[in-house]
PDB file of N, CA and C in Angstrom:
ATOM      1  N   PHE A   1     123.419 137.010  78.974  1.00  0.00           N
ATOM      2  CA  PHE A   1     123.066 136.169  80.553  1.00  0.00           C
ATOM      3  C   PHE A   1     123.443 134.826  79.242  1.00  0.00           C
ATOM      4  N   TYR A   2     123.563 133.303  79.989  1.00  0.00           N
ATOM      5  CA  TYR A   2     123.751 132.616  79.557  1.00  0.00           C
ATOM      6  C   TYR A   2     123.155 131.643  80.054  1.00  0.00           C
ATOM      7  N   ILE A   3     122.105 130.230  79.613  1.00  0.00           N
ATOM      8  CA  ILE A   3     121.423 129.582  79.330  1.00  0.00           C
ATOM      9  C   ILE A   3     121.853 128.426  79.042  1.00  0.00           C
ATOM     10  N   CYS A   4     121.924 127.269  80.313  1.00  0.00           N
ATOM     11  CA  CYS A   4     122.683 126.417  81.102  1.00  0.00           C
ATOM     12  C   CYS A   4     121.987 124.736  81.288  1.00  0.00           C
ATOM     13  N   ASN A   5     122.465 124.011  81.514  1.00  0.00           N
ATOM     14  CA  ASN A   5     122.071 122.683  82.149  1.00  0.00           C
ATOM     15  C   ASN A   5     123.853 122.124  82.109  1.00  0.00           C
ATOM     16  N   ALA A   6     123.846 121.212  82.940  1.00  0.00           N
ATOM     17  CA  ALA A   6     124.567 120.710  83.678  1.00  0.00           C
ATOM     18  C   ALA A   6     125.555 119.456  83.123  1.00  0.00           C
ATOM     19  N   VAL A   7     124.554 119.294  82.488  1.00  0.00           N
ATOM     20  CA  VAL A   7     125.404 117.911  81.711  1.00  0.00           C
ATOM     21  C   VAL A   7     125.135 118.213  79.980  1.00  0.00           C
ATOM     22  N   ARG A   8     126.171 118.050  79.638  1.00  0.00           N
ATOM     23  CA  ARG A   8     126.554 118.042  78.442  1.00  0.00           C
ATOM     24  C   ARG A   8     126.229 116.280  77.107  1.00  0.00           C
ATOM     25  N   CYS A   9     126.049 115.381  77.583  1.00  0.00           N
ATOM     26  CA  CYS A   9     125.978 114.264  76.996  1.00  0.00           C
ATOM     27  C   CYS A   9     125.335 113.418  77.431  1.00  0.00           C
ATOM     28  N   TYR A  10     124.482 113.937  78.046  1.00  0.00           N
ATOM     29  CA  TYR A  10     124.099 112.295  78.940  1.00  0.00           C
ATOM     30  C   TYR A  10     122.199 112.628  78.084  1.00  0.00           C
ATOM     31  N   THR A  11     121.868 111.701  77.241  1.00  0.00           N
ATOM     32  CA  THR A  11     121.033 111.762  76.560  1.00  0.00           C
ATOM     33  C   THR A  11     119.990 110.173  77.139  1.00  0.00           C
ATOM     34  N   ASN A  12     119.991 109.362  78.089  1.00  0.00           N
ATOM     35  CA  ASN A  12     118.578 108.969  78.430  1.00  0.00           C
ATOM     36  C   ASN A  12     117.658 110.147  79.563  1.00  0.00           C
ATOM     37  N   ASN A  13     116.450 109.612  79.534  1.00  0.00           N
ATOM     38  CA  ASN A  13     115.472 110.325  79.673  1.00  0.00           C
ATOM     39  C   ASN A  13     115.389 110.173  81.033  1.00  0.00           C
ATOM     40  N   GLU A  14     116.627 110.107  82.619  1.00  0.00           N
ATOM     41  CA  GLU A  14     116.918 109.558  83.579  1.00  0.00           C
ATOM     42  C   GLU A  14     117.600 110.830  84.414  1.00  0.00           C
ATOM     43  N   GLN A  15     117.187 110.870  85.431  1.00  0.00           N
ATOM     44  CA  GLN A  15     118.127 111.599  86.187  1.00  0.00           C
ATOM     45  C   GLN A  15     120.027 111.821  86.534  1.00  0.00           C
ATOM     46  N   PRO A  16     120.825 112.437  85.795  1.00  0.00           N
ATOM     47  CA  PRO A  16     121.589 112.007  85.547  1.00  0.00           C
ATOM     48  C   PRO A  16     122.263 111.494  86.926  1.00  0.00           C
ATOM     49  N   THR A  17     123.669 111.471  86.753  1.00  0.00           N
ATOM     50  CA  THR A  17     124.690 110.765  88.108  1.00  0.00           C
ATOM     51  C   THR A  17     125.117 111.809  88.552  1.00  0.00           C
ATOM     52  N   ALA A  18     125.607 111.332  89.492  1.00  0.00           N
ATOM     53  CA  ALA A  18     127.145 111.860  90.328  1.00  0.00           C
ATOM     54  C   ALA A  18     127.986 112.407  88.919  1.00  0.00           C
ATOM     55  N   LYS A  19     128.261 111.056  88.040  1.00  0.00           N
ATOM     56  CA  LYS A  19     129.743 111.005  87.275  1.00  0.00           C
ATOM     57  C   LYS A  19     129.418 111.896  86.259  1.00  0.00           C
ATOM     58  N   HIS A  20     127.668 111.097  85.966  1.00  0.00           N
ATOM     59  CA  HIS A  20     127.525 112.416  84.574  1.00  0.00           C
ATOM     60  C   HIS A  20     127.748 114.108  84.949  1.00  0.00           C
ATOM     61  N   LEU A  21     127.699 114.494  86.104  1.00  0.00           N
ATOM     62  CA  LEU A  21     128.380 115.839  86.194  1.00  0.00           C
ATOM     63  C   LEU A  21     129.576 116.325  86.606  1.00  0.00           C
ATOM     64  N   GLU A  22     130.014 115.368  86.967  1.00  0.00           N
ATOM     65  CA  GLU A  22     131.862 115.622  87.699  1.00  0.00           C
ATOM     66  C   GLU A  22     132.176 115.577  86.063  1.00  0.00           C
ATOM     67  N   ARG A  23     131.685 114.749  85.611  1.00  0.00           N
ATOM     68  CA  ARG A  23     132.380 114.431  83.896  1.00  0.00           C
ATOM     69  C   ARG A  23     132.550 115.751  82.960  1.00  0.00           C
ATOM     70  N   CYS A  24     131.351 116.383  82.895  1.00  0.00           N
ATOM     71  CA  CYS A  24     130.733 117.699  82.562  1.00  0.00           C
ATOM     72  C   CYS A  24     130.983 119.120  82.552  1.00  0.00           C
ATOM     73  N   GLU A  25     131.041 119.155  84.452  1.00  0.00           N
ATOM     74  CA  GLU A  25     131.335 120.353  85.255  1.00  0.00           C
ATOM     75  C   GLU A  25     133.068 121.082  84.721  1.00  0.00           C
ATOM     76  N   PRO A  26     133.722 120.500  83.942  1.00  0.00           N
ATOM     77  CA  PRO A  26     135.146 121.239  82.988  1.00  0.00           C
ATOM     78  C   PRO A  26     134.767 122.731  82.039  1.00  0.00           C
ATOM     79  N   PHE A  27     133.750 121.157  80.976  1.00  0.00           N
ATOM     80  CA  PHE A  27     133.203 122.037  80.295  1.00  0.00           C
ATOM     81  C   PHE A  27     132.371 123.332  80.325  1.00  0.00           C
ATOM     82  N   LEU A  28     131.404 123.205  81.532  1.00  0.00           N
ATOM     83  CA  LEU A  28     130.323 124.415  81.941  1.00  0.00           C
ATOM     84  C   LEU A  28     131.386 125.364  82.397  1.00  0.00           C
ATOM     85  N   ARG A  29     132.213 125.490  83.249  1.00  0.00           N
ATOM     86  CA  ARG A  29     133.317 125.906  83.601  1.00  0.00           C
ATOM     87  C   ARG A  29     134.281 127.379  82.981  1.00  0.00           C
ATOM     88  N   ILE A  30     134.059 126.140  81.441  1.00  0.00           N
ATOM     89  CA  ILE A  30     135.728 126.331  80.409  1.00  0.00           C
ATOM     90  C   ILE A  30     134.493 127.713  79.568  1.00  0.00           C
ATOM     91  N   GLU A  31     133.249 127.204  79.443  1.00  0.00           N
ATOM     92  CA  GLU A  31     131.757 127.716  78.607  1.00  0.00           C
ATOM     93  C   GLU A  31     131.437 129.170  79.496  1.00  0.00           C
ATOM     94  N   ILE A  32     131.371 128.812  80.321  1.00  0.00           N
ATOM     95  CA  ILE A  32     131.550 130.023  81.535  1.00  0.00           C
ATOM     96  C   ILE A  32     132.472 131.075  81.614  1.00  0.00           C
ATOM     97  N   ASN A  33     133.683 130.459  81.778  1.00  0.00           N
ATOM     98  CA  ASN A  33     135.003 131.224  82.123  1.00  0.00           C
ATOM     99  C   ASN A  33     134.686 132.276  80.533  1.00  0.00           C
ATOM    100  N   LEU A  34     134.836 131.538  79.426  1.00  0.00           N
ATOM    101  CA  LEU A  34     135.004 131.803  77.824  1.00  0.00           C
ATOM    102  C   LEU A  34     133.699 133.099  78.347  1.00  0.00           C
ATOM    103  N   ILE A  35     132.367 133.034  78.368  1.00  0.00           N
ATOM    104  CA  ILE A  35     131.214 133.466  77.826  1.00  0.00           C
ATOM    105  C   ILE A  35     131.154 134.997  79.155  1.00  0.00           C
ATOM    106  N   LYS A  36     131.629 135.131  79.799  1.00  0.00           N
ATOM    107  CA  LYS A  36     131.641 135.806  80.973  1.00  0.00           C
ATOM    108  C   LYS A  36     129.812 136.259  81.395  1.00  0.00           C
ATOM    109  N   PRO A  37     129.445 135.677  81.365  1.00  0.00           N
ATOM    110  CA  PRO A  37     127.889 136.218  81.992  1.00  0.00           C
ATOM    111  C   PRO A  37     127.449 137.129  82.432  1.00  0.00           C
ATOM    112  N   LYS A  38     126.799 137.825  82.695  1.00  0.00           N
ATOM    113  CA  LYS A  38     126.556 138.805  84.065  1.00  0.00           C
ATOM    114  C   LYS A  38     125.651 138.071  84.070  1.00  0.00           C
ATOM    115  N   LEU A  39     124.580 136.841  83.736  1.00  0.00           N
ATOM    116  CA  LEU A  39     123.722 135.763  84.354  1.00  0.00           C
ATOM    117  C   LEU A  39     123.766 134.212  83.761  1.00  0.00           C
ATOM    118  N   VAL A  40     123.290 133.511  84.456  1.00  0.00           N
ATOM    119  CA  VAL A  40     123.711 132.617  83.982  1.00  0.00           C
ATOM    120  C   VAL A  40     122.004 132.052  84.230  1.00  0.00           C
ATOM    121  N   ILE A  41     121.247 131.235  83.484  1.00  0.00           N
ATOM    122  CA  ILE A  41     119.727 130.360  83.737  1.00  0.00           C
ATOM    123  C   ILE A  41     120.180 129.363  83.615  1.00  0.00           C
ATOM    124  N   ALA A  42     120.404 128.636  85.154  1.00  0.00           N
ATOM    125  CA  ALA A  42     120.197 127.262  85.313  1.00  0.00           C
ATOM    126  C   ALA A  42     118.950 126.516  84.979  1.00  0.00           C
ATOM    127  N   MET A  43     118.339 125.820  84.032  1.00  0.00           N
ATOM    128  CA  MET A  43     117.950 124.983  83.303  1.00  0.00           C
ATOM    129  C   MET A  43     117.492 123.496  84.293  1.00  0.00           C
ATOM    130  N   GLY A  44     116.550 123.970  85.899  1.00  0.00           N
ATOM    131  CA  GLY A  44     116.002 122.939  86.384  1.00  0.00           C
ATOM    132  C   GLY A  44     117.226 123.049  87.582  1.00  0.00           C
ATOM    133  N   ALA A  45     116.831 122.038  88.773  1.00  0.00           N
ATOM    134  CA  ALA A  45     117.493 121.503  89.896  1.00  0.00           C
ATOM    135  C   ALA A  45     118.418 121.481  89.644  1.00  0.00           C
ATOM    136  N   ILE A  46     119.033 120.888  89.232  1.00  0.00           N
ATOM    137  CA  ILE A  46     120.602 119.414  88.806  1.00  0.00           C
ATOM    138  C   ILE A  46     121.100 121.058  88.348  1.00  0.00           C
ATOM    139  N   ALA A  47     120.632 121.615  87.165  1.00  0.00           N
ATOM    140  CA  ALA A  47     121.809 122.779  86.717  1.00  0.00           C
ATOM    141  C   ALA A  47     121.859 123.662  88.176  1.00  0.00           C
ATOM    142  N   PHE A  48     120.908 123.716  88.438  1.00  0.00           N
ATOM    143  CA  PHE A  48     121.511 125.156  89.953  1.00  0.00           C
ATOM    144  C   PHE A  48     122.329 124.835  90.930  1.00  0.00           C
ATOM    145  N   GLU A  49     121.683 123.343  91.300  1.00  0.00           N
ATOM    146  CA  GLU A  49     121.986 123.231  91.949  1.00  0.00           C
ATOM    147  C   GLU A  49     123.627 123.005  91.738  1.00  0.00           C
ATOM    148  N   GLN A  50     124.667 122.155  90.300  1.00  0.00           N
ATOM    149  CA  GLN A  50     125.802 122.032  90.310  1.00  0.00           C
ATOM    150  C   GLN A  50     126.956 123.609  90.418  1.00  0.00           C
ATOM    151  N   LEU A  51     125.576 124.355  90.019  1.00  0.00           N
ATOM    152  CA  LEU A  51     126.226 125.909  90.263  1.00  0.00           C
ATOM    153  C   LEU A  51     126.212 126.615  91.726  1.00  0.00           C
ATOM    154  N   CYS A  52     125.351 126.421  92.797  1.00  0.00           N
ATOM    155  CA  CYS A  52     125.049 126.793  93.799  1.00  0.00           C
ATOM    156  C   CYS A  52     124.647 126.194  94.556  1.00  0.00           C
ATOM    157  N   PRO A  53     126.005 125.087  94.975  1.00  0.00           N
ATOM    158  CA  PRO A  53     125.583 124.243  95.523  1.00  0.00           C
ATOM    159  C   PRO A  53     125.344 124.471  97.199  1.00  0.00           C
ATOM    160  N   GLY A  54     125.270 123.571  97.735  1.00  0.00           N
ATOM    161  CA  GLY A  54     124.422 123.856  99.238  1.00  0.00           C
ATOM    162  C   GLY A  54     123.201 125.138  99.219  1.00  0.00           C
ATOM    163  N   VAL A  55     122.325 125.566  97.736  1.00  0.00           N
ATOM    164  CA  VAL A  55     121.671 126.824  97.904  1.00  0.00           C
ATOM    165  C   VAL A  55     120.005 125.697  97.683  1.00  0.00           C
ATOM    166  N   GLN A  56     118.757 125.767  98.540  1.00  0.00           N
ATOM    167  CA  GLN A  56     117.865 125.101  98.263  1.00  0.00           C
ATOM    168  C   GLN A  56     116.875 125.757  96.753  1.00  0.00           C
ATOM    169  N   PHE A  57     116.894 124.675  95.854  1.00  0.00           N
ATOM    170  CA  PHE A  57     116.497 125.147  94.425  1.00  0.00           C
ATOM    171  C   PHE A  57     115.598 125.909  94.382  1.00  0.00           C
ATOM    172  N   SER A  58     114.142 125.125  95.291  1.00  0.00           N
ATOM    173  CA  SER A  58     112.828 125.778  96.086  1.00  0.00           C
ATOM    174  C   SER A  58     112.930 126.949  95.926  1.00  0.00           C
ATOM    175  N   GLU A  59     113.853 126.987  97.400  1.00  0.00           N
ATOM    176  CA  GLU A  59     113.583 128.793  97.796  1.00  0.00           C
ATOM    177  C   GLU A  59     115.093 129.316  96.733  1.00  0.00           C
ATOM    178  N   SER A  60     115.234 128.950  95.613  1.00  0.00           N
ATOM    179  CA  SER A  60     115.911 129.910  94.842  1.00  0.00           C
ATOM    180  C   SER A  60     115.218 130.622  93.579  1.00  0.00           C
ATOM    181  N   LEU A  61     113.693 130.194  93.127  1.00  0.00           N
ATOM    182  CA  LEU A  61     112.777 130.585  92.233  1.00  0.00           C
ATOM    183  C   LEU A  61     112.609 131.373  92.394  1.00  0.00           C
ATOM    184  N   LYS A  62     112.274 132.607  91.290  1.00  0.00           N
ATOM    185  CA  LYS A  62     112.105 134.192  91.000  1.00  0.00           C
ATOM    186  C   LYS A  62     113.791 135.585  91.672  1.00  0.00           C
ATOM    187  N   THR A  63     114.464 134.406  92.099  1.00  0.00           N
ATOM    188  CA  THR A  63     115.324 135.639  92.630  1.00  0.00           C
ATOM    189  C   THR A  63     117.419 135.226  92.341  1.00  0.00           C
ATOM    190  N   ILE A  64     117.931 135.648  91.967  1.00  0.00           N
ATOM    191  CA  ILE A  64     119.244 135.808  91.639  1.00  0.00           C
ATOM    192  C   ILE A  64     120.391 135.204  92.883  1.00  0.00           C
ATOM    193  N   VAL A  65     121.502 134.455  92.597  1.00  0.00           N
ATOM    194  CA  VAL A  65     121.606 133.648  93.706  1.00  0.00           C
ATOM    195  C   VAL A  65     122.948 133.662  92.789  1.00  0.00           C
ATOM    196  N   LYS A  66     124.026 134.257  93.969  1.00  0.00           N
ATOM    197  CA  LYS A  66     125.224 134.408  93.280  1.00  0.00           C
ATOM    198  C   LYS A  66     125.700 133.298  93.803  1.00  0.00           C
ATOM    199  N   SER A  67     126.772 132.288  92.325  1.00  0.00           N
ATOM    200  CA  SER A  67     126.905 130.907  93.314  1.00  0.00           C
ATOM    201  C   SER A  67     128.875 131.498  93.166  1.00  0.00           C
ATOM    202  N   SER A  68     128.789 130.601  94.769  1.00  0.00           N
ATOM    203  CA  SER A  68     130.458 130.744  95.555  1.00  0.00           C
ATOM    204  C   SER A  68     131.547 129.516  94.560  1.00  0.00           C
ATOM    205  N   LYS A  69     130.388 129.359  94.174  1.00  0.00           N
ATOM    206  CA  LYS A  69     131.394 127.720  93.108  1.00  0.00           C
ATOM    207  C   LYS A  69     132.024 128.218  91.490  1.00  0.00           C
ATOM    208  N   PHE A  70     130.994 129.194  90.981  1.00  0.00           N
ATOM    209  CA  PHE A  70     131.521 129.210  89.590  1.00  0.00           C
ATOM    210  C   PHE A  70     131.792 131.079  89.739  1.00  0.00           C
ATOM    211  N   GLY A  71     131.608 131.878  90.958  1.00  0.00           N
ATOM    212  CA  GLY A  71     131.209 133.633  90.781  1.00  0.00           C
ATOM    213  C   GLY A  71     130.444 134.078  89.934  1.00  0.00           C
ATOM    214  N   VAL A  72     129.460 133.853  89.451  1.00  0.00           N
ATOM    215  CA  VAL A  72     128.477 134.046  88.384  1.00  0.00           C
ATOM    216  C   VAL A  72     126.818 134.402  88.639  1.00  0.00           C
ATOM    217  N   ASN A  73     125.911 135.495  89.021  1.00  0.00           N
ATOM    218  CA  ASN A  73     125.259 135.749  88.944  1.00  0.00           C
ATOM    219  C   ASN A  73     123.949 134.356  88.347  1.00  0.00           C
ATOM    220  N   VAL A  74     123.497 133.684  89.567  1.00  0.00           N
ATOM    221  CA  VAL A  74     122.278 132.337  88.943  1.00  0.00           C
ATOM    222  C   VAL A  74     121.348 132.728  88.985  1.00  0.00           C
ATOM    223  N   PHE A  75     120.304 132.767  87.509  1.00  0.00           N
ATOM    224  CA  PHE A  75     118.625 132.584  88.145  1.00  0.00           C
ATOM    225  C   PHE A  75     118.085 131.235  87.761  1.00  0.00           C
ATOM    226  N   ALA A  76     117.441 130.351  88.295  1.00  0.00           N
ATOM    227  CA  ALA A  76     116.865 129.233  88.595  1.00  0.00           C
ATOM    228  C   ALA A  76     116.000 129.202  87.403  1.00  0.00           C
ATOM    229  N   VAL A  77     115.054 128.303  87.208  1.00  0.00           N
ATOM    230  CA  VAL A  77     114.058 127.915  86.351  1.00  0.00           C
ATOM    231  C   VAL A  77     113.888 126.869  86.658  1.00  0.00           C
ATOM    232  N   HIS A  78     112.292 126.383  86.507  1.00  0.00           N
ATOM    233  CA  HIS A  78     112.316 124.523  86.356  1.00  0.00           C
ATOM    234  C   HIS A  78     112.743 124.511  84.860  1.00  0.00           C
ATOM    235  N   TYR A  79     112.788 122.859  84.754  1.00  0.00           N
ATOM    236  CA  TYR A  79     113.314 122.432  83.569  1.00  0.00           C
ATOM    237  C   TYR A  79     111.994 121.832  82.543  1.00  0.00           C
ATOM    238  N   GLN A  80     112.188 122.519  80.995  1.00  0.00           N
ATOM    239  CA  GLN A  80     111.102 122.561  80.666  1.00  0.00           C
ATOM    240  C   GLN A  80     110.481 121.174  79.956  1.00  0.00           C
ATOM    241  N   SER A  81     110.688 119.575  80.459  1.00  0.00           N
ATOM    242  CA  SER A  81     110.201 118.855  79.910  1.00  0.00           C
ATOM    243  C   SER A  81     108.797 118.679  79.917  1.00  0.00           C
ATOM    244  N   PRO A  82     108.680 117.648  78.897  1.00  0.00           N
ATOM    245  CA  PRO A  82     107.461 117.213  79.336  1.00  0.00           C
ATOM    246  C   PRO A  82     106.263 117.270  80.224  1.00  0.00           C
ATOM    247  N   SER A  83     106.922 116.025  81.035  1.00  0.00           N
ATOM    248  CA  SER A  83     106.509 115.690  82.317  1.00  0.00           C
ATOM    249  C   SER A  83     106.759 116.868  83.543  1.00  0.00           C
ATOM    250  N   ASN A  84     106.881 117.655  83.446  1.00  0.00           N
ATOM    251  CA  ASN A  84     107.476 118.671  84.071  1.00  0.00           C
ATOM    252  C   ASN A  84     105.906 119.814  84.077  1.00  0.00           C
ATOM    253  N   LEU A  85     105.777 120.080  82.551  1.00  0.00           N
ATOM    254  CA  LEU A  85     105.162 120.434  82.117  1.00  0.00           C
ATOM    255  C   LEU A  85     103.423 120.223  82.404  1.00  0.00           C
ATOM    256  N   LYS A  86     103.199 119.230  82.862  1.00  0.00           N
ATOM    257  CA  LYS A  86     102.344 118.615  82.101  1.00  0.00           C
ATOM    258  C   LYS A  86     101.208 118.789  83.577  1.00  0.00           C
ATOM    259  N   ASP A  87     102.155 119.243  84.506  1.00  0.00           N
ATOM    260  CA  ASP A  87     101.781 119.409  86.202  1.00  0.00           C
ATOM    261  C   ASP A  87     101.188 121.133  86.086  1.00  0.00           C
ATOM    262  N   SER A  88     100.257 121.546  86.220  1.00  0.00           N
ATOM    263  CA  SER A  88      99.324 122.670  85.895  1.00  0.00           C
ATOM    264  C   SER A  88     100.687 123.514  86.458  1.00  0.00           C
ATOM    265  N   ALA A  89     100.571 123.758  87.826  1.00  0.00           N
ATOM    266  CA  ALA A  89     101.754 124.020  89.448  1.00  0.00           C
ATOM    267  C   ALA A  89     102.537 124.774  88.700  1.00  0.00           C
ATOM    268  N   THR A  90     103.403 123.733  88.245  1.00  0.00           N
ATOM    269  CA  THR A  90     105.012 123.327  87.429  1.00  0.00           C
ATOM    270  C   THR A  90     104.775 124.322  86.585  1.00  0.00           C
ATOM    271  N   LYS A  91     103.933 124.441  85.164  1.00  0.00           N
ATOM    272  CA  LYS A  91     103.507 124.571  83.846  1.00  0.00           C
ATOM    273  C   LYS A  91     103.412 125.928  84.749  1.00  0.00           C
ATOM    274  N   ILE A  92     102.697 126.722  85.376  1.00  0.00           N
ATOM    275  CA  ILE A  92     102.427 128.330  86.106  1.00  0.00           C
ATOM    276  C   ILE A  92     103.563 128.758  86.611  1.00  0.00           C
ATOM    277  N   ALA A  93     104.072 127.995  87.382  1.00  0.00           N
ATOM    278  CA  ALA A  93     105.619 128.586  87.689  1.00  0.00           C
ATOM    279  C   ALA A  93     106.385 128.489  86.918  1.00  0.00           C
ATOM    280  N   PHE A  94     106.570 127.703  85.569  1.00  0.00           N
ATOM    281  CA  PHE A  94     107.557 128.358  84.749  1.00  0.00           C
ATOM    282  C   PHE A  94     107.379 129.526  83.713  1.00  0.00           C
ATOM    283  N   GLU A  95     106.075 129.673  83.476  1.00  0.00           N
ATOM    284  CA  GLU A  95     105.665 131.022  82.472  1.00  0.00           C
ATOM    285  C   GLU A  95     105.630 131.706  83.833  1.00  0.00           C
ATOM    286  N   ASP A  96     105.731 132.006  85.014  1.00  0.00           N
ATOM    287  CA  ASP A  96     105.860 132.958  85.853  1.00  0.00           C
ATOM    288  C   ASP A  96     107.880 133.515  85.715  1.00  0.00           C
ATOM    289  N   GLN A  97     108.593 131.913  85.847  1.00  0.00           N
ATOM    290  CA  GLN A  97     109.560 132.311  85.835  1.00  0.00           C
ATOM    291  C   GLN A  97     109.988 133.461  84.927  1.00  0.00           C
ATOM    292  N   ILE A  98     109.808 132.587  83.411  1.00  0.00           N
ATOM    293  CA  ILE A  98     109.856 132.672  82.873  1.00  0.00           C
ATOM    294  C   ILE A  98     109.684 133.933  82.003  1.00  0.00           C
ATOM    295  N   GLU A  99     108.978 134.683  82.421  1.00  0.00           N
ATOM    296  CA  GLU A  99     108.279 136.208  82.569  1.00  0.00           C
ATOM    297  C   GLU A  99     109.462 137.186  82.967  1.00  0.00           C
ATOM    298  N   VAL A 100     109.386 136.210  84.190  1.00  0.00           N
ATOM    299  CA  VAL A 100     111.007 137.066  85.875  1.00  0.00           C
ATOM    300  C   VAL A 100     112.003 137.078  84.738  1.00  0.00           C
ATOM    301  N   MET A 101     112.157 136.326  84.056  1.00  0.00           N
ATOM    302  CA  MET A 101     114.062 136.596  83.683  1.00  0.00           C
ATOM    303  C   MET A 101     113.725 136.560  81.900  1.00  0.00           C
ATOM    304  N   CYS A 102     112.535 137.499  81.621  1.00  0.00           N
ATOM    305  CA  CYS A 102     112.760 138.259  80.535  1.00  0.00           C
ATOM    306  C   CYS A 102     112.470 139.754  80.990  1.00  0.00           C
ATOM    307  N   GLY A 103     112.180 139.708  81.685  1.00  0.00           N
ATOM    308  CA  GLY A 103     112.616 141.716  82.675  1.00  0.00           C
ATOM    309  C   GLY A 103     113.952 141.516  83.493  1.00  0.00           C
ATOM    310  N   LEU A 104     114.542 140.606  83.523  1.00  0.00           N
ATOM    311  CA  LEU A 104     115.981 140.533  84.005  1.00  0.00           C
ATOM    312  C   LEU A 104     116.947 140.489  83.039  1.00  0.00           C
ATOM    313  N   VAL A 105     116.518 139.425  81.637  1.00  0.00           N
ATOM    314  CA  VAL A 105     117.542 139.599  80.339  1.00  0.00           C
ATOM    315  C   VAL A 105     117.180 141.014  80.332  1.00  0.00           C
ATOM    316  N   THR A 106     116.631 141.817  80.154  1.00  0.00           N
ATOM    317  CA  THR A 106     116.039 143.054  79.200  1.00  0.00           C
ATOM    318  C   THR A 106     116.948 144.019  79.898  1.00  0.00           C
ATOM    319  N   ALA A 107     116.694 144.132  81.404  1.00  0.00           N
ATOM    320  CA  ALA A 107     117.615 144.845  82.354  1.00  0.00           C
ATOM    321  C   ALA A 107     119.299 144.608  81.932  1.00  0.00           C
ATOM    322  N   LEU A 108     119.491 144.021  81.566  1.00  0.00           N
ATOM    323  CA  LEU A 108     120.910 142.997  81.048  1.00  0.00           C
ATOM    324  C   LEU A 108     121.761 144.325  80.243  1.00  0.00           C
ATOM    325  N   ARG A 109     119.874 144.833  79.016  1.00  0.00           N
ATOM    326  CA  ARG A 109     120.583 145.197  78.138  1.00  0.00           C
ATOM    327  C   ARG A 109     120.715 146.979  78.308  1.00  0.00           C
ATOM    328  N   ASP A 110     120.787 147.136  79.361  1.00  0.00           N
ATOM    329  CA  ASP A 110     120.644 148.984  79.769  1.00  0.00           C
ATOM    330  C   ASP A 110     121.918 148.770  80.495  1.00  0.00           C
ATOM    331  N   PRO A 111     122.765 150.352  79.496  1.00  0.00           N
ATOM    332  CA  PRO A 111     124.194 150.054  80.441  1.00  0.00           C
ATOM    333  C   PRO A 111     124.046 150.565  81.649  1.00  0.00           C
ATOM    334  N   ILE A 112     124.882 149.924  82.153  1.00  0.00           N
ATOM    335  CA  ILE A 112     125.509 149.760  83.832  1.00  0.00           C
ATOM    336  C   ILE A 112     126.042 151.460  84.001  1.00  0.00           C
ATOM    337  N   PRO A 113     125.509 152.149  84.945  1.00  0.00           N
ATOM    338  CA  PRO A 113     125.921 153.360  85.109  1.00  0.00           C
ATOM    339  C   PRO A 113     127.740 153.524  85.608  1.00  0.00           C
ATOM    340  N   GLY A 114     127.863 154.493  85.345  1.00  0.00           N
ATOM    341  CA  GLY A 114     129.076 154.894  85.771  1.00  0.00           C
ATOM    342  C   GLY A 114     130.378 154.108  85.660  1.00  0.00           C
TER     343      GLY A 114
END
């Protein structure tokens, strides 16, 4: 599995712009092509939307979505920023997502039949 974010070079504490995403997408594509993960963990809505355009982040939580753009399976989790985790509902949702993610990653270790 591969845990990723959509932006590699963004250091401010603000939401990245379309220009940031555009500049970093080739690196994301190269990483995915080199690693060839069975599952990509998207850290937050921005990463998920970059990997799976047109799919709503909120509808994808706790499920695996096939990325039409990158051809990989994607599992989304809330971005783990301190401001997100201050909200108790988001923190509980994040903890639930991590539990589901751990189960998915554990299942990846099992040999695939056939």
